[in-house]
Amino acid sequence: MKSRRSFLAAVASGGAGISLAALDPVAAATPKPPSSQSAALATAMRARFDPALSAADVQAIAQAIDANDAAALALNPKKKRLKNGDAPIVRFSVAGGEV
């Protein structure tokens, strides 16, 4: 992101989109099936952590994995990696001037 403003705008628009999608009854009635990779990961999680999870629980976990991947792609569409030295600029101010 070029600035904090553009980052905050991306985060805010993503949250608004998610909340609007939750209000749409048609979208909730026909969810997109999870990818095969996220389904395999969710199944492996059930085997390793909680064998009592139902098939619906596993599918919900797989869909959440896909949703997280989509959100990450929206925040960093070019998959640009940060360097170790990249950090936000911290600027302190006191009454009477800037330090």
N, C-alpha and C. Protein backbone atom coordinates (compact mmCIF):
# COMPACT_ATOMS: atom_id res chain seq x y z
N MET A 1 0.84 -1.17 0.00
CA MET A 1 0.00 0.00 0.00
C MET A 1 0.89 1.24 0.00
N LYS A 2 0.42 2.26 -0.64
CA LYS A 2 1.23 3.47 -0.74
C LYS A 2 1.21 4.28 0.55
N SER A 3 0.13 4.21 1.27
CA SER A 3 0.04 5.01 2.49
C SER A 3 -0.88 4.31 3.48
N ARG A 4 -0.90 4.84 4.68
CA ARG A 4 -1.81 4.29 5.68
C ARG A 4 -3.26 4.49 5.27
N ARG A 5 -3.53 5.61 4.61
CA ARG A 5 -4.91 5.88 4.18
C ARG A 5 -5.40 4.82 3.20
N SER A 6 -4.57 4.47 2.24
CA SER A 6 -4.99 3.46 1.27
C SER A 6 -5.14 2.10 1.94
N PHE A 7 -4.27 1.80 2.91
CA PHE A 7 -4.40 0.55 3.65
C PHE A 7 -5.71 0.52 4.43
N LEU A 8 -6.00 1.60 5.14
CA LEU A 8 -7.24 1.66 5.93
C LEU A 8 -8.47 1.60 5.03
N ALA A 9 -8.38 2.23 3.86
CA ALA A 9 -9.51 2.17 2.92
C ALA A 9 -9.73 0.74 2.44
N ALA A 10 -8.65 0.01 2.17
CA ALA A 10 -8.76 -1.38 1.73
C ALA A 10 -9.36 -2.25 2.82
N VAL A 11 -8.92 -2.04 4.06
CA VAL A 11 -9.44 -2.83 5.17
C VAL A 11 -10.91 -2.51 5.40
N ALA A 12 -11.26 -1.23 5.36
CA ALA A 12 -12.65 -0.83 5.60
C ALA A 12 -13.57 -1.35 4.50
N SER A 13 -13.12 -1.28 3.25
CA SER A 13 -13.98 -1.76 2.17
C SER A 13 -14.13 -3.28 2.24
N GLY A 14 -13.10 -3.98 2.68
CA GLY A 14 -13.21 -5.43 2.83
C GLY A 14 -14.21 -5.79 3.91
N GLY A 15 -14.17 -5.08 5.02
CA GLY A 15 -15.13 -5.33 6.10
C GLY A 15 -16.55 -5.01 5.70
N ALA A 16 -16.71 -3.93 4.93
CA ALA A 16 -18.05 -3.57 4.47
C ALA A 16 -18.58 -4.61 3.50
N GLY A 17 -17.71 -5.11 2.64
CA GLY A 17 -18.13 -6.14 1.69
C GLY A 17 -18.55 -7.42 2.38
N ILE A 18 -17.81 -7.78 3.41
CA ILE A 18 -18.15 -9.00 4.16
C ILE A 18 -19.48 -8.83 4.87
N SER A 19 -19.70 -7.66 5.47
CA SER A 19 -20.96 -7.45 6.18
C SER A 19 -22.14 -7.39 5.22
N LEU A 20 -21.95 -6.82 4.03
CA LEU A 20 -23.03 -6.80 3.05
C LEU A 20 -23.30 -8.18 2.49
N ALA A 21 -22.26 -8.98 2.31
CA ALA A 21 -22.45 -10.34 1.83
C ALA A 21 -23.21 -11.18 2.86
N ALA A 22 -22.99 -10.89 4.12
CA ALA A 22 -23.70 -11.62 5.17
C ALA A 22 -25.19 -11.27 5.17
N LEU A 23 -25.54 -10.07 4.71
CA LEU A 23 -26.93 -9.67 4.67
C LEU A 23 -27.66 -10.20 3.44
N ASP A 24 -26.93 -10.63 2.41
CA ASP A 24 -27.53 -11.09 1.17
C ASP A 24 -28.00 -12.53 1.34
N PRO A 25 -29.34 -12.79 1.34
CA PRO A 25 -29.82 -14.15 1.57
C PRO A 25 -29.48 -15.10 0.42
N VAL A 26 -29.37 -14.61 -0.82
CA VAL A 26 -29.06 -15.48 -1.95
C VAL A 26 -27.62 -15.97 -1.84
N ALA A 27 -26.70 -15.07 -1.48
CA ALA A 27 -25.30 -15.48 -1.34
C ALA A 27 -25.13 -16.48 -0.20
N ALA A 28 -25.90 -16.31 0.86
CA ALA A 28 -25.80 -17.23 1.99
C ALA A 28 -26.40 -18.59 1.65
N ALA A 29 -27.38 -18.61 0.74
CA ALA A 29 -28.04 -19.86 0.39
C ALA A 29 -27.17 -20.72 -0.53
N THR A 30 -26.33 -20.07 -1.35
CA THR A 30 -25.50 -20.82 -2.29
C THR A 30 -24.03 -20.47 -2.09
N PRO A 31 -23.40 -21.01 -1.03
CA PRO A 31 -21.99 -20.68 -0.81
C PRO A 31 -21.10 -21.36 -1.85
N LYS A 32 -19.99 -20.71 -2.14
CA LYS A 32 -19.02 -21.28 -3.06
C LYS A 32 -18.34 -22.46 -2.39
N PRO A 33 -18.21 -23.58 -3.08
CA PRO A 33 -17.54 -24.72 -2.45
C PRO A 33 -16.07 -24.41 -2.20
N PRO A 34 -15.50 -24.95 -1.13
CA PRO A 34 -14.10 -24.67 -0.82
C PRO A 34 -13.16 -25.30 -1.83
N SER A 35 -11.97 -24.75 -1.95
CA SER A 35 -10.97 -25.32 -2.85
C SER A 35 -10.52 -26.67 -2.32
N SER A 36 -9.93 -27.46 -3.19
CA SER A 36 -9.50 -28.80 -2.77
C SER A 36 -8.38 -28.72 -1.74
N GLN A 37 -7.52 -27.70 -1.86
CA GLN A 37 -6.42 -27.55 -0.90
C GLN A 37 -6.94 -27.20 0.49
N SER A 38 -7.89 -26.27 0.56
CA SER A 38 -8.41 -25.90 1.88
C SER A 38 -9.25 -27.03 2.47
N ALA A 39 -9.94 -27.79 1.63
CA ALA A 39 -10.71 -28.94 2.13
C ALA A 39 -9.77 -30.01 2.70
N ALA A 40 -8.65 -30.24 2.01
CA ALA A 40 -7.68 -31.22 2.51
C ALA A 40 -7.06 -30.76 3.83
N LEU A 41 -6.77 -29.47 3.92
CA LEU A 41 -6.19 -28.94 5.16
C LEU A 41 -7.19 -29.04 6.31
N ALA A 42 -8.46 -28.72 6.04
CA ALA A 42 -9.48 -28.81 7.08
C ALA A 42 -9.68 -30.25 7.53
N THR A 43 -9.63 -31.18 6.59
CA THR A 43 -9.76 -32.60 6.95
C THR A 43 -8.58 -33.06 7.79
N ALA A 44 -7.38 -32.60 7.44
CA ALA A 44 -6.20 -32.94 8.24
C ALA A 44 -6.30 -32.34 9.64
N MET A 45 -6.88 -31.14 9.75
CA MET A 45 -7.05 -30.52 11.06
C MET A 45 -8.02 -31.34 11.91
N ARG A 46 -9.08 -31.86 11.26
CA ARG A 46 -10.03 -32.68 12.01
C ARG A 46 -9.33 -33.94 12.53
N ALA A 47 -8.53 -34.59 11.69
CA ALA A 47 -7.85 -35.82 12.09
C ALA A 47 -6.85 -35.56 13.22
N ARG A 48 -6.20 -34.40 13.17
CA ARG A 48 -5.15 -34.14 14.15
C ARG A 48 -5.68 -33.56 15.46
N PHE A 49 -6.67 -32.66 15.37
CA PHE A 49 -7.07 -31.92 16.57
C PHE A 49 -8.41 -32.35 17.18
N ASP A 50 -9.42 -32.65 16.34
CA ASP A 50 -10.73 -32.97 16.89
C ASP A 50 -11.50 -33.90 15.97
N PRO A 51 -11.38 -35.20 16.16
CA PRO A 51 -12.07 -36.15 15.30
C PRO A 51 -13.60 -36.06 15.40
N ALA A 52 -14.12 -35.37 16.40
CA ALA A 52 -15.56 -35.27 16.57
C ALA A 52 -16.20 -34.19 15.69
N LEU A 53 -15.39 -33.45 14.92
CA LEU A 53 -15.96 -32.43 14.04
C LEU A 53 -16.82 -33.06 12.96
N SER A 54 -17.95 -32.46 12.68
CA SER A 54 -18.85 -32.98 11.64
C SER A 54 -18.36 -32.53 10.27
N ALA A 55 -18.97 -33.10 9.23
CA ALA A 55 -18.62 -32.71 7.86
C ALA A 55 -18.94 -31.24 7.61
N ALA A 56 -20.02 -30.75 8.21
CA ALA A 56 -20.37 -29.34 8.07
C ALA A 56 -19.33 -28.44 8.73
N ASP A 57 -18.80 -28.87 9.87
CA ASP A 57 -17.74 -28.11 10.55
C ASP A 57 -16.48 -28.05 9.69
N VAL A 58 -16.13 -29.18 9.09
CA VAL A 58 -14.94 -29.23 8.24
C VAL A 58 -15.12 -28.33 7.03
N GLN A 59 -16.32 -28.34 6.44
CA GLN A 59 -16.58 -27.47 5.29
C GLN A 59 -16.53 -26.00 5.70
N ALA A 60 -17.05 -25.66 6.87
CA ALA A 60 -16.99 -24.28 7.35
C ALA A 60 -15.55 -23.84 7.57
N ILE A 61 -14.72 -24.73 8.09
CA ILE A 61 -13.30 -24.41 8.29
C ILE A 61 -12.62 -24.19 6.95
N ALA A 62 -12.91 -25.04 5.97
CA ALA A 62 -12.31 -24.92 4.64
C ALA A 62 -12.74 -23.61 3.97
N GLN A 63 -14.00 -23.23 4.12
CA GLN A 63 -14.46 -21.97 3.55
C GLN A 63 -13.81 -20.78 4.24
N ALA A 64 -13.58 -20.89 5.54
CA ALA A 64 -12.90 -19.81 6.26
C ALA A 64 -11.45 -19.68 5.81
N ILE A 65 -10.80 -20.80 5.51
CA ILE A 65 -9.43 -20.75 5.00
C ILE A 65 -9.41 -20.03 3.66
N ASP A 66 -10.36 -20.36 2.77
CA ASP A 66 -10.45 -19.69 1.47
C ASP A 66 -10.74 -18.20 1.63
N ALA A 67 -11.60 -17.85 2.58
CA ALA A 67 -11.93 -16.44 2.81
C ALA A 67 -10.71 -15.67 3.30
N ASN A 68 -9.90 -16.29 4.16
CA ASN A 68 -8.67 -15.64 4.63
C ASN A 68 -7.68 -15.45 3.49
N ASP A 69 -7.58 -16.44 2.60
CA ASP A 69 -6.70 -16.30 1.44
C ASP A 69 -7.15 -15.16 0.54
N ALA A 70 -8.47 -15.03 0.34
CA ALA A 70 -9.00 -13.96 -0.50
C ALA A 70 -8.75 -12.60 0.14
N ALA A 71 -8.90 -12.51 1.46
CA ALA A 71 -8.64 -11.24 2.14
C ALA A 71 -7.17 -10.86 2.06
N ALA A 72 -6.29 -11.83 2.18
CA ALA A 72 -4.86 -11.54 2.07
C ALA A 72 -4.51 -11.07 0.67
N LEU A 73 -5.12 -11.66 -0.33
CA LEU A 73 -4.87 -11.24 -1.71
C LEU A 73 -5.39 -9.83 -1.96
N ALA A 74 -6.50 -9.46 -1.32
CA ALA A 74 -7.04 -8.11 -1.48
C ALA A 74 -6.12 -7.07 -0.84
N LEU A 75 -5.49 -7.42 0.27
CA LEU A 75 -4.61 -6.47 0.93
C LEU A 75 -3.25 -6.35 0.24
N ASN A 76 -2.81 -7.40 -0.42
CA ASN A 76 -1.51 -7.40 -1.09
C ASN A 76 -1.65 -8.08 -2.44
N PRO A 77 -2.30 -7.42 -3.43
CA PRO A 77 -2.59 -8.09 -4.69
C PRO A 77 -1.35 -8.45 -5.51
N LYS A 78 -0.26 -7.71 -5.36
CA LYS A 78 0.95 -8.00 -6.13
C LYS A 78 1.90 -8.94 -5.41
N LYS A 79 1.50 -9.39 -4.21
CA LYS A 79 2.30 -10.30 -3.38
C LYS A 79 3.71 -9.76 -3.16
N LYS A 80 3.79 -8.46 -2.92
CA LYS A 80 5.07 -7.81 -2.67
C LYS A 80 5.54 -8.15 -1.25
N ARG A 81 6.76 -8.63 -1.13
CA ARG A 81 7.31 -9.01 0.17
C ARG A 81 7.93 -7.80 0.85
N LEU A 82 7.79 -7.74 2.16
CA LEU A 82 8.41 -6.69 2.95
C LEU A 82 9.84 -7.09 3.28
N LYS A 83 10.71 -6.10 3.32
CA LYS A 83 12.09 -6.34 3.73
C LYS A 83 12.17 -6.24 5.25
N ASN A 84 13.26 -6.74 5.81
CA ASN A 84 13.42 -6.68 7.27
C ASN A 84 13.40 -5.25 7.78
N GLY A 85 13.94 -4.31 7.01
CA GLY A 85 14.02 -2.92 7.46
C GLY A 85 12.75 -2.13 7.25
N ASP A 86 11.74 -2.69 6.58
CA ASP A 86 10.50 -1.96 6.34
C ASP A 86 9.71 -1.84 7.64
N ALA A 87 9.37 -0.63 7.97
CA ALA A 87 8.58 -0.39 9.17
C ALA A 87 7.86 0.95 9.00
N PRO A 88 6.75 1.13 9.67
CA PRO A 88 6.08 2.42 9.58
C PRO A 88 6.91 3.52 10.22
N ILE A 89 6.76 4.72 9.73
CA ILE A 89 7.47 5.86 10.29
C ILE A 89 6.75 6.28 11.56
N VAL A 90 7.49 6.37 12.63
CA VAL A 90 6.93 6.79 13.90
C VAL A 90 7.34 8.24 14.13
N ARG A 91 6.37 9.09 14.32
CA ARG A 91 6.65 10.51 14.53
C ARG A 91 5.96 10.94 15.82
N PHE A 92 6.73 11.42 16.74
CA PHE A 92 6.20 11.89 18.01
C PHE A 92 6.13 13.41 17.97
N SER A 93 5.12 13.93 18.64
CA SER A 93 5.03 15.39 18.73
C SER A 93 4.71 15.78 20.17
N VAL A 94 5.20 16.92 20.55
CA VAL A 94 4.95 17.46 21.88
C VAL A 94 4.44 18.89 21.72
N ALA A 95 3.85 19.37 22.73
CA ALA A 95 3.36 20.75 22.69
C ALA A 95 4.53 21.68 22.44
N GLY A 96 4.45 22.50 21.42
CA GLY A 96 5.53 23.44 21.14
C GLY A 96 6.38 23.01 19.96
N GLY A 97 6.16 21.87 19.37
CA GLY A 97 6.96 21.48 18.22
C GLY A 97 7.02 20.00 18.01
N GLU A 98 7.77 19.62 16.97
CA GLU A 98 7.92 18.22 16.62
C GLU A 98 9.30 17.73 17.03
N VAL A 99 9.38 16.51 17.46
CA VAL A 99 10.65 15.92 17.87
C VAL A 99 11.13 14.97 16.82
